Every structure is written in structure tokens, then in C-alpha cells.
N, C-alpha and C. Protein backbone atom coordinates (compact mmCIF):
# COMPACT_ATOMS: atom_id res chain seq x y z
N MET A 1 0.40 7.75 -7.06
CA MET A 1 -0.61 6.98 -6.54
C MET A 1 -1.81 7.96 -5.99
N GLU A 2 -3.11 7.24 -5.84
CA GLU A 2 -4.16 8.19 -5.34
C GLU A 2 -4.29 7.95 -4.08
N ILE A 3 -4.57 9.02 -3.42
CA ILE A 3 -4.73 9.04 -1.82
C ILE A 3 -6.05 8.60 -1.76
N TRP A 4 -6.15 7.56 -0.72
CA TRP A 4 -7.60 7.02 -0.62
C TRP A 4 -8.00 7.37 1.07
N GLU A 5 -9.12 7.85 1.10
CA GLU A 5 -9.97 7.98 2.49
C GLU A 5 -10.29 6.69 2.90
N LYS A 6 -10.66 6.56 4.17
CA LYS A 6 -11.04 5.29 4.81
C LYS A 6 -12.53 4.70 4.04
N GLU A 7 -13.19 5.48 3.77
CA GLU A 7 -14.51 5.05 3.07
C GLU A 7 -14.16 4.44 1.58
N THR A 8 -13.04 5.00 0.77
CA THR A 8 -12.65 4.31 -0.20
C THR A 8 -12.12 3.11 -0.16
N LEU A 9 -11.16 2.64 0.77
CA LEU A 9 -10.64 1.63 1.20
C LEU A 9 -11.59 0.56 1.78
N ARG A 10 -12.76 1.15 2.37
CA ARG A 10 -13.73 0.08 2.84
C ARG A 10 -14.32 -0.40 1.49
N ALA A 11 -15.01 0.53 0.65
CA ALA A 11 -15.75 0.30 -0.54
C ALA A 11 -14.87 -0.75 -1.39
N ALA A 12 -13.66 -0.72 -1.51
CA ALA A 12 -12.69 -1.53 -2.57
C ALA A 12 -12.94 -2.84 -1.93
N GLN A 13 -12.44 -3.06 -0.56
CA GLN A 13 -12.77 -4.21 0.24
C GLN A 13 -14.08 -4.88 -0.08
N LYS A 14 -15.00 -3.96 0.25
CA LYS A 14 -16.21 -4.68 0.02
C LYS A 14 -16.62 -4.93 -1.41
N ASN A 15 -16.29 -4.48 -2.37
CA ASN A 15 -16.45 -4.82 -3.87
C ASN A 15 -15.51 -5.91 -4.10
N GLY A 16 -14.83 -6.63 -3.23
CA GLY A 16 -13.87 -7.48 -3.68
C GLY A 16 -12.81 -7.49 -4.49
N ALA A 17 -12.35 -6.24 -4.48
CA ALA A 17 -11.42 -5.56 -5.76
C ALA A 17 -9.83 -6.19 -5.35
N ASN A 18 -8.97 -6.39 -6.21
CA ASN A 18 -7.63 -6.71 -6.21
C ASN A 18 -6.76 -5.15 -6.32
N PHE A 19 -6.24 -5.20 -5.16
CA PHE A 19 -5.48 -3.93 -5.00
C PHE A 19 -4.29 -3.55 -3.99
N VAL A 20 -3.38 -2.94 -3.96
CA VAL A 20 -2.48 -2.82 -3.03
C VAL A 20 -2.51 -1.39 -2.13
N VAL A 21 -2.24 -1.29 -0.97
CA VAL A 21 -2.26 -0.02 -0.36
C VAL A 21 -0.82 0.12 0.49
N PHE A 22 -0.61 1.32 0.17
CA PHE A 22 0.80 2.08 0.82
C PHE A 22 0.29 2.60 2.06
N PHE A 23 0.57 2.47 3.19
CA PHE A 23 0.19 3.16 4.33
C PHE A 23 1.45 3.98 4.73
N PHE A 24 1.14 5.30 5.18
CA PHE A 24 2.13 6.25 5.34
C PHE A 24 1.84 7.10 6.45
N THR A 25 2.64 7.98 7.08
CA THR A 25 2.40 9.21 7.60
C THR A 25 2.87 10.38 7.01
N PRO A 26 2.49 11.32 6.97
CA PRO A 26 3.27 12.63 6.51
C PRO A 26 4.57 12.78 7.12
N MET A 27 4.62 12.81 8.30
CA MET A 27 5.80 13.28 8.72
C MET A 27 6.95 11.93 8.55
N CYS A 28 6.93 11.05 8.27
CA CYS A 28 7.83 9.88 8.22
C CYS A 28 8.66 10.19 6.99
N GLY A 29 10.01 10.34 7.23
CA GLY A 29 11.05 10.40 6.09
C GLY A 29 11.12 9.25 5.38
N SER A 30 11.16 7.90 5.91
CA SER A 30 11.14 6.69 5.35
C SER A 30 10.22 6.46 4.47
N CYS A 31 9.00 7.11 4.85
CA CYS A 31 7.32 6.88 4.01
C CYS A 31 7.79 7.52 2.90
N GLN A 32 8.49 9.06 2.86
CA GLN A 32 8.54 9.80 1.46
C GLN A 32 9.36 9.15 0.68
N ILE A 33 10.55 8.78 1.18
CA ILE A 33 11.47 7.93 0.08
C ILE A 33 10.63 6.68 -0.41
N ALA A 34 10.16 5.88 0.37
CA ALA A 34 9.42 4.67 -0.03
C ALA A 34 8.35 5.04 -1.03
N SER A 35 7.78 5.98 -1.02
CA SER A 35 6.64 6.52 -1.81
C SER A 35 7.20 6.86 -3.39
N ARG A 36 8.28 7.38 -3.36
CA ARG A 36 8.99 7.56 -4.39
C ARG A 36 9.42 6.38 -5.14
N LEU A 37 9.84 5.52 -4.41
CA LEU A 37 10.33 4.34 -4.92
C LEU A 37 9.21 3.51 -5.63
N VAL A 38 7.95 3.65 -4.90
CA VAL A 38 6.67 3.00 -5.47
C VAL A 38 6.63 3.52 -6.81
N ASP A 39 6.17 4.67 -6.69
CA ASP A 39 5.79 5.47 -7.88
C ASP A 39 6.91 5.06 -8.94
N VAL A 40 8.34 5.25 -8.81
CA VAL A 40 9.16 4.67 -9.97
C VAL A 40 9.04 3.33 -10.36
N VAL A 41 8.63 2.41 -9.52
CA VAL A 41 8.34 1.05 -10.07
C VAL A 41 7.17 1.15 -10.74
N LEU A 42 6.03 1.91 -10.47
CA LEU A 42 5.11 1.87 -11.04
C LEU A 42 4.89 2.45 -12.58
N GLU A 43 5.78 3.59 -12.46
CA GLU A 43 5.96 4.22 -13.95
C GLU A 43 6.77 3.47 -14.88
N ALA A 44 7.88 2.81 -14.32
CA ALA A 44 8.68 2.10 -15.28
C ALA A 44 8.10 0.55 -16.06
N ASP A 45 6.79 0.07 -15.29
CA ASP A 45 6.11 -1.10 -15.88
C ASP A 45 4.69 -0.33 -16.14
N GLY A 46 4.73 -1.19 -17.22
CA GLY A 46 3.19 -0.86 -18.20
C GLY A 46 1.97 -1.54 -17.41
N ILE A 47 2.22 -2.46 -16.38
CA ILE A 47 1.18 -3.32 -15.94
C ILE A 47 0.00 -2.37 -14.82
N HIS A 48 0.69 -1.80 -14.23
CA HIS A 48 0.05 -0.67 -13.39
C HIS A 48 -1.02 -1.59 -12.39
N PRO A 49 -0.34 -2.12 -11.14
CA PRO A 49 -1.75 -2.88 -10.53
C PRO A 49 -2.04 -1.55 -9.60
N ASP A 50 -3.34 -1.55 -9.31
CA ASP A 50 -4.05 -0.64 -8.68
C ASP A 50 -3.42 -0.45 -7.06
N VAL A 51 -2.80 0.78 -7.03
CA VAL A 51 -1.91 1.17 -5.66
C VAL A 51 -2.46 2.37 -5.34
N ALA A 52 -2.64 2.54 -4.20
CA ALA A 52 -3.33 3.58 -3.27
C ALA A 52 -2.61 3.94 -2.00
N LYS A 53 -2.59 5.10 -1.47
CA LYS A 53 -1.98 5.68 -0.31
C LYS A 53 -3.08 6.03 0.57
N VAL A 54 -2.52 5.71 1.76
CA VAL A 54 -3.74 5.82 2.97
C VAL A 54 -2.77 6.29 4.00
N ASP A 55 -3.08 7.42 4.42
CA ASP A 55 -2.46 8.07 5.72
C ASP A 55 -2.88 7.34 6.94
N LEU A 56 -1.88 6.53 7.54
CA LEU A 56 -2.42 5.63 8.69
C LEU A 56 -2.95 6.56 9.90
N ASN A 57 -2.62 7.78 10.09
CA ASN A 57 -3.19 8.33 11.08
C ASN A 57 -4.98 8.39 10.97
N TYR A 58 -5.26 8.41 9.85
CA TYR A 58 -6.86 8.38 9.80
C TYR A 58 -7.69 6.96 9.85
N VAL A 59 -6.68 5.98 9.92
CA VAL A 59 -7.28 4.73 9.92
C VAL A 59 -6.69 4.02 11.01
N PRO A 60 -6.76 4.40 12.28
CA PRO A 60 -5.89 3.27 13.38
C PRO A 60 -6.64 1.99 13.66
N ASP A 61 -8.15 1.84 13.24
CA ASP A 61 -8.72 0.81 13.62
C ASP A 61 -8.33 -0.30 12.41
N ILE A 62 -8.18 0.21 11.28
CA ILE A 62 -7.67 -0.72 9.92
C ILE A 62 -6.45 -1.17 10.26
N ALA A 63 -5.54 -0.19 10.81
CA ALA A 63 -4.17 -0.64 11.05
C ALA A 63 -4.20 -1.72 12.13
N GLN A 64 -5.18 -1.61 13.16
CA GLN A 64 -4.99 -2.55 14.16
C GLN A 64 -5.43 -3.66 13.62
N HIS A 65 -6.34 -3.67 12.85
CA HIS A 65 -6.74 -5.04 12.36
C HIS A 65 -5.84 -5.69 11.30
N LEU A 66 -5.34 -5.12 10.62
CA LEU A 66 -4.17 -5.46 9.68
C LEU A 66 -2.69 -5.73 10.40
N GLU A 67 -2.86 -5.37 11.80
CA GLU A 67 -1.78 -5.54 12.54
C GLU A 67 -0.41 -4.90 11.92
N ILE A 68 -0.62 -3.60 11.34
CA ILE A 68 0.40 -2.94 10.82
C ILE A 68 1.08 -2.20 12.03
N THR A 69 2.27 -2.62 12.35
CA THR A 69 3.24 -2.01 13.39
C THR A 69 4.18 -0.77 13.24
N SER A 70 4.24 -0.79 11.84
CA SER A 70 5.21 0.53 11.31
C SER A 70 4.83 0.89 10.06
N VAL A 71 5.29 2.16 9.65
CA VAL A 71 5.22 2.64 8.52
C VAL A 71 6.52 3.00 7.93
N PRO A 72 6.87 3.00 6.45
CA PRO A 72 5.85 2.66 5.63
C PRO A 72 5.77 1.10 5.59
N ALA A 73 4.24 0.69 4.95
CA ALA A 73 4.11 -0.43 4.94
C ALA A 73 3.24 -0.85 3.27
N LEU A 74 3.39 -1.73 2.66
CA LEU A 74 2.66 -2.19 1.94
C LEU A 74 1.70 -3.22 2.07
N VAL A 75 0.27 -3.27 1.75
CA VAL A 75 -0.47 -4.40 2.03
C VAL A 75 -1.29 -4.72 0.94
N LYS A 76 -1.20 -6.12 0.20
CA LYS A 76 -1.61 -6.44 -0.80
C LYS A 76 -2.87 -7.00 -0.41
N PHE A 77 -4.07 -6.78 -1.39
CA PHE A 77 -5.51 -7.31 -0.96
C PHE A 77 -6.14 -8.20 -2.36
N LYS A 78 -6.31 -9.46 -2.32
CA LYS A 78 -7.10 -10.13 -3.16
C LYS A 78 -8.34 -10.07 -2.96
N SER A 79 -9.36 -9.90 -3.84
CA SER A 79 -10.80 -10.19 -3.60
C SER A 79 -11.13 -9.51 -2.40
N GLY A 80 -10.77 -8.28 -1.95
CA GLY A 80 -10.90 -7.49 -0.87
C GLY A 80 -10.50 -7.94 0.27
N GLN A 81 -9.53 -9.00 0.41
CA GLN A 81 -8.99 -9.43 1.62
C GLN A 81 -7.58 -9.25 1.69
N PRO A 82 -7.14 -8.89 2.66
CA PRO A 82 -5.63 -8.80 2.81
C PRO A 82 -4.80 -10.06 2.84
N VAL A 83 -3.68 -10.09 2.09
CA VAL A 83 -3.04 -11.30 1.83
C VAL A 83 -1.59 -11.27 2.19
N ASP A 84 -1.13 -10.20 1.94
CA ASP A 84 0.20 -9.94 2.27
C ASP A 84 0.52 -8.55 2.76
N LEU A 85 1.60 -8.53 3.44
CA LEU A 85 2.00 -7.25 4.04
C LEU A 85 3.58 -7.28 3.96
N SER A 86 4.11 -6.05 3.66
CA SER A 86 5.72 -5.77 3.84
C SER A 86 6.03 -4.42 4.12
N TYR A 87 6.99 -4.78 4.75
CA TYR A 87 7.83 -3.54 5.43
C TYR A 87 9.12 -3.14 4.63
N LYS A 88 9.44 -4.04 3.80
CA LYS A 88 10.73 -4.01 2.95
C LYS A 88 10.42 -3.19 1.60
N LEU A 89 10.78 -1.98 1.83
CA LEU A 89 10.66 -0.84 0.76
C LEU A 89 11.72 -0.18 0.60
N HIS A 90 12.91 -0.88 0.90
CA HIS A 90 14.17 0.09 0.57
C HIS A 90 14.78 -0.10 -0.68
N ASP A 91 14.27 -0.86 -1.59
CA ASP A 91 14.64 -0.60 -3.07
C ASP A 91 13.61 -1.05 -3.67
N ALA A 92 13.66 -0.74 -5.14
CA ALA A 92 12.95 -0.77 -6.29
C ALA A 92 12.76 -2.32 -6.63
N THR A 93 13.74 -3.09 -6.45
CA THR A 93 13.62 -4.63 -6.93
C THR A 93 12.38 -5.22 -5.87
N THR A 94 12.77 -5.12 -4.51
CA THR A 94 11.96 -5.58 -3.60
C THR A 94 10.37 -5.02 -3.54
N ILE A 95 10.40 -3.78 -3.93
CA ILE A 95 8.76 -3.50 -3.90
C ILE A 95 8.35 -4.02 -5.46
N TYR A 96 9.01 -4.32 -6.49
CA TYR A 96 8.55 -4.94 -7.70
C TYR A 96 7.90 -6.29 -7.38
N GLU A 97 8.97 -7.18 -6.68
CA GLU A 97 8.81 -8.38 -6.65
C GLU A 97 7.39 -8.55 -5.45
N PHE A 98 7.35 -7.56 -4.66
CA PHE A 98 6.07 -7.45 -3.99
C PHE A 98 4.93 -7.17 -4.64
N LEU A 99 4.98 -6.29 -5.34
CA LEU A 99 3.68 -5.86 -6.17
C LEU A 99 3.30 -6.77 -7.29
N TYR A 100 4.34 -7.54 -7.77
CA TYR A 100 3.94 -8.44 -8.87
C TYR A 100 4.03 -9.84 -8.77
N SER A 101 4.11 -10.22 -7.37
CA SER A 101 4.05 -11.57 -6.98
C SER A 101 2.63 -12.02 -6.96
N GLU A 102 2.60 -13.25 -7.17
CA GLU A 102 1.16 -13.63 -7.03
C GLU A 102 0.91 -14.34 -5.30
């Protein structure tokens, strides 16, 4: 997963892109495990949705707007707008279902 800065996230939203953001903080142990699980899901499948990582510490205004209450979190964007949020990142199956559900 590529790490995005705030400007990259805002540009993707403005351009109306479809993507998923993995919100994390560097000192979060659960975030490190969930990040590895997301990577495993992406590597195991050839579809590869656009998934980026964003450090929540650098985007508090976006976190507040999206109502993110904890990390790790996955947020799905369709046409640049947030459409789904998940904190259920405890296993690869759950992550897969979130990433590939419509």
C-alpha cells in the first residue's frame, strides 16, 4: 500500500476516484497487524483495488469529518465520496469482503 499525504487524499476525492483508505497510527500494534492482513489480501488477489494508507495523526480534520473513532479503520470511497467504514480488520476474510463488496 502506498502512503498518501493529506493533499493526495483530497485530490483523489476531488477527482471522483474509487479507492479505499487504511487509516492508521504508527504506534498502534493492531494497525501493524491489520496492515499486514490488508497486504496479504491484496497480494493474494489479482483485482487490486486502489488502497492507500493514511496516518491519522496528520489528518485530524478528515478523521473528524469521516467520524473515525479509532484505528485501524478502512474507508471505502466511490466517486470521491465516503460510502463505507469498517473497523473489522481482524481476519483476511472480513477484509476481503469489505474491499470487494459493492
